[in-house]
Amino acid sequence: MPNTSRPPLGKLEPGQLVMVHPSMNDSRRHAGKDLWISARVSKVGRVWVELERVGDGWPRQWRMRMDVQHEGTQYPGSNARFVTMEQHAWEETQAWALGVLREQGIDLRIGSPWRGREQELADLIVRAGRP
């Protein structure tokens, strides 16, 4: 059985590429879109990491807590968050898997033997040619 758990944060290094998901309250966020922004690690501290936007667009910097991988304010639901490229790939695959399962009417409740193995189950369904 393959391990489909989310990859850990690991050690961050200056210059490392990460992805930032802006706060739902960010006025520059495109309404209704799941927006990810490429950023580069500019400084790594003991608790905080500083990130800078990569590419065109508005200049942007973030200061994020490494333990929770978001801005660390008292309102966690409204914080921007960041993920490593490995975590981003896992999240994209997980979103695909949950979409496949939803299309098939599969709802994995707590206690299901497939809970935590959504990607494996979705892959089996696709290989069987059902969707």
Protein backbone atom coordinates (compact mmCIF):
# COMPACT_ATOMS: atom_id res chain seq x y z
CA MET A 1 0.00 0.00 0.00
CA PRO A 2 1.61 3.32 -1.04
CA ASN A 3 1.95 6.07 1.50
CA THR A 4 -0.41 8.86 0.50
CA SER A 5 0.03 11.08 3.53
CA ARG A 6 0.94 14.72 3.06
CA PRO A 7 4.72 15.25 2.88
CA PRO A 8 6.23 17.02 5.91
CA LEU A 9 7.57 20.56 5.65
CA GLY A 10 11.21 19.56 5.89
CA LYS A 11 14.09 22.03 6.09
CA LEU A 12 13.62 25.32 4.26
CA GLU A 13 16.56 27.06 2.58
CA PRO A 14 16.89 30.59 1.20
CA GLY A 15 16.15 30.55 -2.53
CA GLN A 16 13.83 27.53 -2.27
CA LEU A 17 10.66 27.76 -4.35
CA VAL A 18 7.34 27.41 -2.51
CA MET A 19 3.69 28.09 -3.29
CA VAL A 20 1.53 30.60 -1.39
CA HIS A 21 -2.25 30.45 -1.16
CA PRO A 22 -3.42 34.01 -0.39
CA SER A 23 -5.89 34.77 2.35
CA MET A 24 -9.55 34.58 1.42
CA ASN A 25 -9.66 38.21 2.57
CA ASP A 26 -6.93 39.39 0.19
CA SER A 27 -8.54 41.96 -2.10
CA ARG A 28 -6.11 41.04 -4.88
CA ARG A 29 -7.32 37.43 -4.91
CA HIS A 30 -9.42 36.49 -7.91
CA ALA A 31 -12.95 35.76 -6.74
CA GLY A 32 -13.93 32.11 -7.00
CA LYS A 33 -10.50 30.89 -8.09
CA ASP A 34 -8.16 28.62 -6.21
CA LEU A 35 -5.16 30.89 -6.61
CA TRP A 36 -1.59 29.79 -5.92
CA ILE A 37 1.33 32.20 -6.17
CA SER A 38 4.95 31.16 -6.69
CA ALA A 39 7.26 32.52 -4.02
CA ARG A 40 10.86 32.10 -2.99
CA VAL A 41 12.20 31.73 0.55
CA SER A 42 14.18 34.87 1.35
CA LYS A 43 14.96 34.32 5.05
CA VAL A 44 14.62 31.39 7.44
CA GLY A 45 14.48 31.97 11.18
CA ARG A 46 13.76 29.70 14.12
CA VAL A 47 9.99 30.20 13.98
CA TRP A 48 9.32 32.45 10.98
CA VAL A 49 10.11 32.22 7.29
CA GLU A 50 10.00 35.20 4.94
CA LEU A 51 8.79 34.71 1.37
CA GLU A 52 8.89 36.92 -1.73
CA ARG A 53 6.66 36.64 -4.78
CA VAL A 54 8.27 35.24 -7.95
CA GLY A 55 7.40 36.58 -11.40
CA ASP A 56 5.13 39.31 -12.68
CA GLY A 57 2.33 40.86 -10.74
CA TRP A 58 2.09 42.98 -7.67
CA PRO A 59 5.16 42.87 -5.43
CA ARG A 60 4.35 40.83 -2.38
CA GLN A 61 6.11 39.53 0.69
CA TRP A 62 4.86 37.27 3.45
CA ARG A 63 6.06 36.38 6.91
CA MET A 64 4.82 32.91 7.86
CA ARG A 65 5.13 30.62 10.87
CA MET A 66 6.87 27.39 9.95
CA ASP A 67 5.06 25.25 12.55
CA VAL A 68 1.59 25.94 11.11
CA GLN A 69 2.67 27.07 7.63
CA HIS A 70 0.56 30.23 7.64
CA GLU A 71 0.74 33.85 8.74
CA GLY A 72 0.10 32.97 12.36
CA THR A 73 -2.54 35.55 13.21
CA GLN A 74 -5.34 34.92 15.67
CA TYR A 75 -7.69 34.26 12.74
CA PRO A 76 -6.21 31.12 11.10
CA GLY A 77 -9.06 30.78 8.59
CA SER A 78 -8.15 34.14 7.09
CA ASN A 79 -4.39 33.62 6.90
CA ALA A 80 -2.39 33.16 3.74
CA ARG A 81 -0.58 29.81 3.84
CA PHE A 82 2.41 28.26 2.10
CA VAL A 83 3.45 24.80 1.01
CA THR A 84 6.62 23.29 -0.43
CA MET A 85 6.56 22.12 -4.03
CA GLU A 86 6.25 18.50 -2.81
CA GLN A 87 3.29 19.42 -0.58
CA HIS A 88 1.71 21.37 -3.44
CA ALA A 89 1.98 18.36 -5.76
CA TRP A 90 0.39 16.17 -3.07
CA GLU A 91 -2.45 18.69 -2.53
CA GLU A 92 -3.14 18.84 -6.27
CA THR A 93 -3.23 15.04 -6.47
CA GLN A 94 -5.45 14.86 -3.39
CA ALA A 95 -7.88 17.37 -4.92
CA TRP A 96 -7.98 15.26 -8.10
CA ALA A 97 -8.61 12.08 -6.08
CA LEU A 98 -11.42 13.64 -4.06
CA GLY A 99 -12.97 14.89 -7.32
CA VAL A 100 -12.89 11.38 -8.82
CA LEU A 101 -14.46 9.92 -5.68
CA ARG A 102 -17.13 12.65 -5.58
CA GLU A 103 -18.03 11.99 -9.24
CA GLN A 104 -18.54 8.32 -8.36
CA GLY A 105 -20.69 9.17 -5.33
CA ILE A 106 -18.10 7.79 -2.90
CA ASP A 107 -18.02 9.41 0.52
CA LEU A 108 -15.30 8.12 2.83
CA ARG A 109 -16.60 8.38 6.35
CA ILE A 110 -14.47 8.11 9.48
CA GLY A 111 -13.73 4.44 10.01
CA SER A 112 -13.62 3.57 6.32
CA PRO A 113 -10.63 1.37 5.42
CA TRP A 114 -10.02 3.77 2.49
CA ARG A 115 -9.81 6.87 4.72
CA GLY A 116 -6.35 8.36 4.11
CA ARG A 117 -5.98 6.28 0.94
CA GLU A 118 -8.13 8.47 -1.31
CA GLN A 119 -5.44 8.81 -3.98
CA GLU A 120 -4.97 5.04 -4.14
CA LEU A 121 -8.72 4.42 -4.47
CA ALA A 122 -9.15 7.12 -7.14
CA ASP A 123 -6.24 5.65 -9.09
CA LEU A 124 -7.86 2.19 -8.97
CA ILE A 125 -11.18 3.63 -10.19
CA VAL A 126 -9.52 5.45 -13.09
CA ARG A 127 -7.51 2.37 -14.07
CA ALA A 128 -10.72 0.32 -14.05
CA GLY A 129 -12.17 2.83 -16.55
CA ARG A 130 -15.23 3.86 -14.54
CA PRO A 131 -15.12 7.67 -14.66
